[in-house]
């Protein structure tokens, strides 16, 4: 069995699953934009994180970061910021996703961290 390169990727899979089920767990499944935004973002995150677990690439981490930013602003863009459970969930989970993605990008020598070792000519 292949060893996981970044422990953050399986954690992001769990966060993706959480996003998919959270509208029902937290009780905002009737708020259409909040529910669909959370579920679709969760599915996308889970797929990206699974891909990053199986075949790690820097673009997957950058895309996870972009998803995190979308998730963070979605309550205001889609108009569900007044639904406290949905808004807090989106902001907290997006912060965790962003931290994990940036962590991988700056610590993996094959990604951004490795390019910092190059000297300009």
C-alpha atoms as a PDB file:
ATOM      1  CA  UNK A   1       0.000   0.000   0.000  1.00  0.00           C
ATOM      2  CA  UNK A   2       1.247   3.455  -0.924  1.00  0.00           C
ATOM      3  CA  UNK A   3       2.069   5.759   1.976  1.00  0.00           C
ATOM      4  CA  UNK A   4       0.203   9.065   2.164  1.00  0.00           C
ATOM      5  CA  UNK A   5       2.569  11.944   1.362  1.00  0.00           C
ATOM      6  CA  UNK A   6       0.635  14.632   3.274  1.00  0.00           C
ATOM      7  CA  UNK A   7      -1.469  13.869   6.339  1.00  0.00           C
ATOM      8  CA  UNK A   8      -3.465  17.023   5.537  1.00  0.00           C
ATOM      9  CA  UNK A   9      -5.117  15.401   2.500  1.00  0.00           C
ATOM     10  CA  UNK A  10      -7.079  12.746   4.445  1.00  0.00           C
ATOM     11  CA  UNK A  11      -8.107  15.467   6.906  1.00  0.00           C
ATOM     12  CA  UNK A  12      -9.468  17.481   3.967  1.00  0.00           C
ATOM     13  CA  UNK A  13     -11.396  14.399   2.820  1.00  0.00           C
ATOM     14  CA  UNK A  14     -13.040  14.285   6.252  1.00  0.00           C
ATOM     15  CA  UNK A  15     -13.783  18.025   6.033  1.00  0.00           C
ATOM     16  CA  UNK A  16     -15.355  17.428   2.605  1.00  0.00           C
ATOM     17  CA  UNK A  17     -17.584  14.709   4.037  1.00  0.00           C
ATOM     18  CA  UNK A  18     -18.484  17.033   6.918  1.00  0.00           C
ATOM     19  CA  UNK A  19     -19.488  19.766   4.466  1.00  0.00           C
ATOM     20  CA  UNK A  20     -21.762  17.331   2.611  1.00  0.00           C
ATOM     21  CA  UNK A  21     -23.614  16.228   5.768  1.00  0.00           C
ATOM     22  CA  UNK A  22     -23.424  19.462   7.778  1.00  0.00           C
ATOM     23  CA  UNK A  23     -26.624  21.075   6.429  1.00  0.00           C
ATOM     24  CA  UNK A  24     -28.636  18.230   7.961  1.00  0.00           C
ATOM     25  CA  UNK A  25     -26.536  17.935  11.112  1.00  0.00           C
ATOM     26  CA  UNK A  26     -26.663  21.690  11.776  1.00  0.00           C
ATOM     27  CA  UNK A  27     -30.229  22.160  10.545  1.00  0.00           C
ATOM     28  CA  UNK A  28     -29.859  24.501   7.573  1.00  0.00           C
ATOM     29  CA  UNK A  29     -30.909  22.027   4.860  1.00  0.00           C
ATOM     30  CA  UNK A  30     -33.948  24.211   4.083  1.00  0.00           C
ATOM     31  CA  UNK A  31     -31.780  27.226   3.205  1.00  0.00           C
ATOM     32  CA  UNK A  32     -31.283  26.359  -0.451  1.00  0.00           C
ATOM     33  CA  UNK A  33     -28.199  28.425  -1.317  1.00  0.00           C
ATOM     34  CA  UNK A  34     -26.432  27.522   1.920  1.00  0.00           C
ATOM     35  CA  UNK A  35     -27.185  23.828   1.552  1.00  0.00           C
ATOM     36  CA  UNK A  36     -26.160  23.568  -2.096  1.00  0.00           C
ATOM     37  CA  UNK A  37     -23.042  25.690  -1.701  1.00  0.00           C
ATOM     38  CA  UNK A  38     -21.896  23.597   1.236  1.00  0.00           C
ATOM     39  CA  UNK A  39     -22.675  20.242  -0.396  1.00  0.00           C
ATOM     40  CA  UNK A  40     -21.092  21.093  -3.761  1.00  0.00           C
ATOM     41  CA  UNK A  41     -18.000  22.558  -2.080  1.00  0.00           C
ATOM     42  CA  UNK A  42     -17.755  19.436   0.090  1.00  0.00           C
ATOM     43  CA  UNK A  43     -17.927  17.112  -2.901  1.00  0.00           C
ATOM     44  CA  UNK A  44     -15.316  19.150  -4.780  1.00  0.00           C
ATOM     45  CA  UNK A  45     -13.040  19.276  -1.728  1.00  0.00           C
ATOM     46  CA  UNK A  46     -13.379  15.541  -1.135  1.00  0.00           C
ATOM     47  CA  UNK A  47     -12.553  14.759  -4.766  1.00  0.00           C
ATOM     48  CA  UNK A  48      -9.546  17.100  -4.783  1.00  0.00           C
ATOM     49  CA  UNK A  49      -8.240  15.792  -1.483  1.00  0.00           C
ATOM     50  CA  UNK A  50      -8.668  12.194  -2.634  1.00  0.00           C
ATOM     51  CA  UNK A  51      -6.741  13.029  -5.793  1.00  0.00           C
ATOM     52  CA  UNK A  52      -4.053  14.751  -3.730  1.00  0.00           C
ATOM     53  CA  UNK A  53      -3.817  11.669  -1.518  1.00  0.00           C
ATOM     54  CA  UNK A  54      -3.409   9.300  -4.470  1.00  0.00           C
ATOM     55  CA  UNK A  55      -1.323  11.469  -6.819  1.00  0.00           C
ATOM     56  CA  UNK A  56      -0.047  14.565  -4.988  1.00  0.00           C
ATOM     57  CA  UNK A  57       0.284  17.713  -7.093  1.00  0.00           C
ATOM     58  CA  UNK A  58       0.648  21.356  -6.072  1.00  0.00           C
ATOM     59  CA  UNK A  59      -2.314  22.486  -8.194  1.00  0.00           C
ATOM     60  CA  UNK A  60      -4.649  20.420  -5.998  1.00  0.00           C
ATOM     61  CA  UNK A  61      -3.535  22.350  -2.926  1.00  0.00           C
ATOM     62  CA  UNK A  62      -3.977  25.670  -4.727  1.00  0.00           C
ATOM     63  CA  UNK A  63      -7.459  24.589  -5.799  1.00  0.00           C
ATOM     64  CA  UNK A  64      -8.310  23.561  -2.236  1.00  0.00           C
ATOM     65  CA  UNK A  65      -7.196  27.036  -1.154  1.00  0.00           C
ATOM     66  CA  UNK A  66      -9.475  28.600  -3.768  1.00  0.00           C
ATOM     67  CA  UNK A  67     -12.373  26.452  -2.540  1.00  0.00           C
ATOM     68  CA  UNK A  68     -11.650  27.613   1.006  1.00  0.00           C
ATOM     69  CA  UNK A  69     -11.816  31.249  -0.072  1.00  0.00           C
ATOM     70  CA  UNK A  70     -15.100  30.607  -1.900  1.00  0.00           C
ATOM     71  CA  UNK A  71     -16.532  28.848   1.139  1.00  0.00           C
ATOM     72  CA  UNK A  72     -15.506  31.741   3.398  1.00  0.00           C
ATOM     73  CA  UNK A  73     -17.208  34.409   1.282  1.00  0.00           C
ATOM     74  CA  UNK A  74     -20.198  32.312   0.137  1.00  0.00           C
ATOM     75  CA  UNK A  75     -22.497  33.331   3.025  1.00  0.00           C
ATOM     76  CA  UNK A  76     -22.285  36.969   1.893  1.00  0.00           C
ATOM     77  CA  UNK A  77     -22.149  36.335  -1.849  1.00  0.00           C
ATOM     78  CA  UNK A  78     -25.138  33.974  -1.764  1.00  0.00           C
ATOM     79  CA  UNK A  79     -27.042  35.843   0.953  1.00  0.00           C
ATOM     80  CA  UNK A  80     -27.123  33.388   3.836  1.00  0.00           C
ATOM     81  CA  UNK A  81     -24.866  35.256   6.265  1.00  0.00           C
ATOM     82  CA  UNK A  82     -27.831  35.718   8.623  1.00  0.00           C
ATOM     83  CA  UNK A  83     -28.200  31.939   8.973  1.00  0.00           C
ATOM     84  CA  UNK A  84     -25.749  31.634  11.839  1.00  0.00           C
ATOM     85  CA  UNK A  85     -25.168  27.855  11.732  1.00  0.00           C
ATOM     86  CA  UNK A  86     -24.440  27.914   8.005  1.00  0.00           C
ATOM     87  CA  UNK A  87     -22.269  31.041   8.147  1.00  0.00           C
ATOM     88  CA  UNK A  88     -20.167  29.899  11.117  1.00  0.00           C
ATOM     89  CA  UNK A  89     -19.749  26.453   9.586  1.00  0.00           C
ATOM     90  CA  UNK A  90     -18.583  27.935   6.267  1.00  0.00           C
ATOM     91  CA  UNK A  91     -16.113  30.323   7.886  1.00  0.00           C
ATOM     92  CA  UNK A  92     -14.605  27.831  10.346  1.00  0.00           C
ATOM     93  CA  UNK A  93     -14.288  24.977   7.878  1.00  0.00           C
ATOM     94  CA  UNK A  94     -12.846  27.297   5.228  1.00  0.00           C
ATOM     95  CA  UNK A  95     -10.183  28.457   7.691  1.00  0.00           C
ATOM     96  CA  UNK A  96      -9.200  24.847   8.387  1.00  0.00           C
ATOM     97  CA  UNK A  97      -9.053  23.986   4.665  1.00  0.00           C
ATOM     98  CA  UNK A  98      -6.964  27.056   3.878  1.00  0.00           C
ATOM     99  CA  UNK A  99      -4.511  26.385   6.713  1.00  0.00           C
ATOM    100  CA  UNK A 100      -4.068  22.763   5.629  1.00  0.00           C
ATOM    101  CA  UNK A 101      -3.566  23.642   1.951  1.00  0.00           C
ATOM    102  CA  UNK A 102      -1.070  26.408   2.704  1.00  0.00           C
ATOM    103  CA  UNK A 103       0.737  24.150   5.168  1.00  0.00           C
ATOM    104  CA  UNK A 104       1.357  21.583   2.446  1.00  0.00           C
ATOM    105  CA  UNK A 105       2.380  24.218  -0.092  1.00  0.00           C
ATOM    106  CA  UNK A 106       5.000  25.844   2.120  1.00  0.00           C
ATOM    107  CA  UNK A 107       6.407  22.687   3.705  1.00  0.00           C
ATOM    108  CA  UNK A 108       6.661  20.314   0.731  1.00  0.00           C
ATOM    109  CA  UNK A 109      10.028  20.824  -0.947  1.00  0.00           C
ATOM    110  CA  UNK A 110       8.538  19.625  -4.244  1.00  0.00           C
ATOM    111  CA  UNK A 111       6.000  22.466  -4.198  1.00  0.00           C
ATOM    112  CA  UNK A 112       6.419  26.114  -3.296  1.00  0.00           C
ATOM    113  CA  UNK A 113       8.979  25.456  -0.550  1.00  0.00           C
ATOM    114  CA  UNK A 114      11.385  23.895  -3.034  1.00  0.00           C
ATOM    115  CA  UNK A 115      11.237  26.853  -5.394  1.00  0.00           C
ATOM    116  CA  UNK A 116      12.421  29.149  -2.618  1.00  0.00           C
ATOM    117  CA  UNK A 117      15.822  27.445  -2.665  1.00  0.00           C
ATOM    118  CA  UNK A 118      16.589  28.573  -6.229  1.00  0.00           C
ATOM    119  CA  UNK A 119      18.882  31.526  -6.773  1.00  0.00           C
ATOM    120  CA  UNK A 120      18.191  34.280  -9.292  1.00  0.00           C
ATOM    121  CA  UNK A 121      20.781  34.723 -12.024  1.00  0.00           C
END
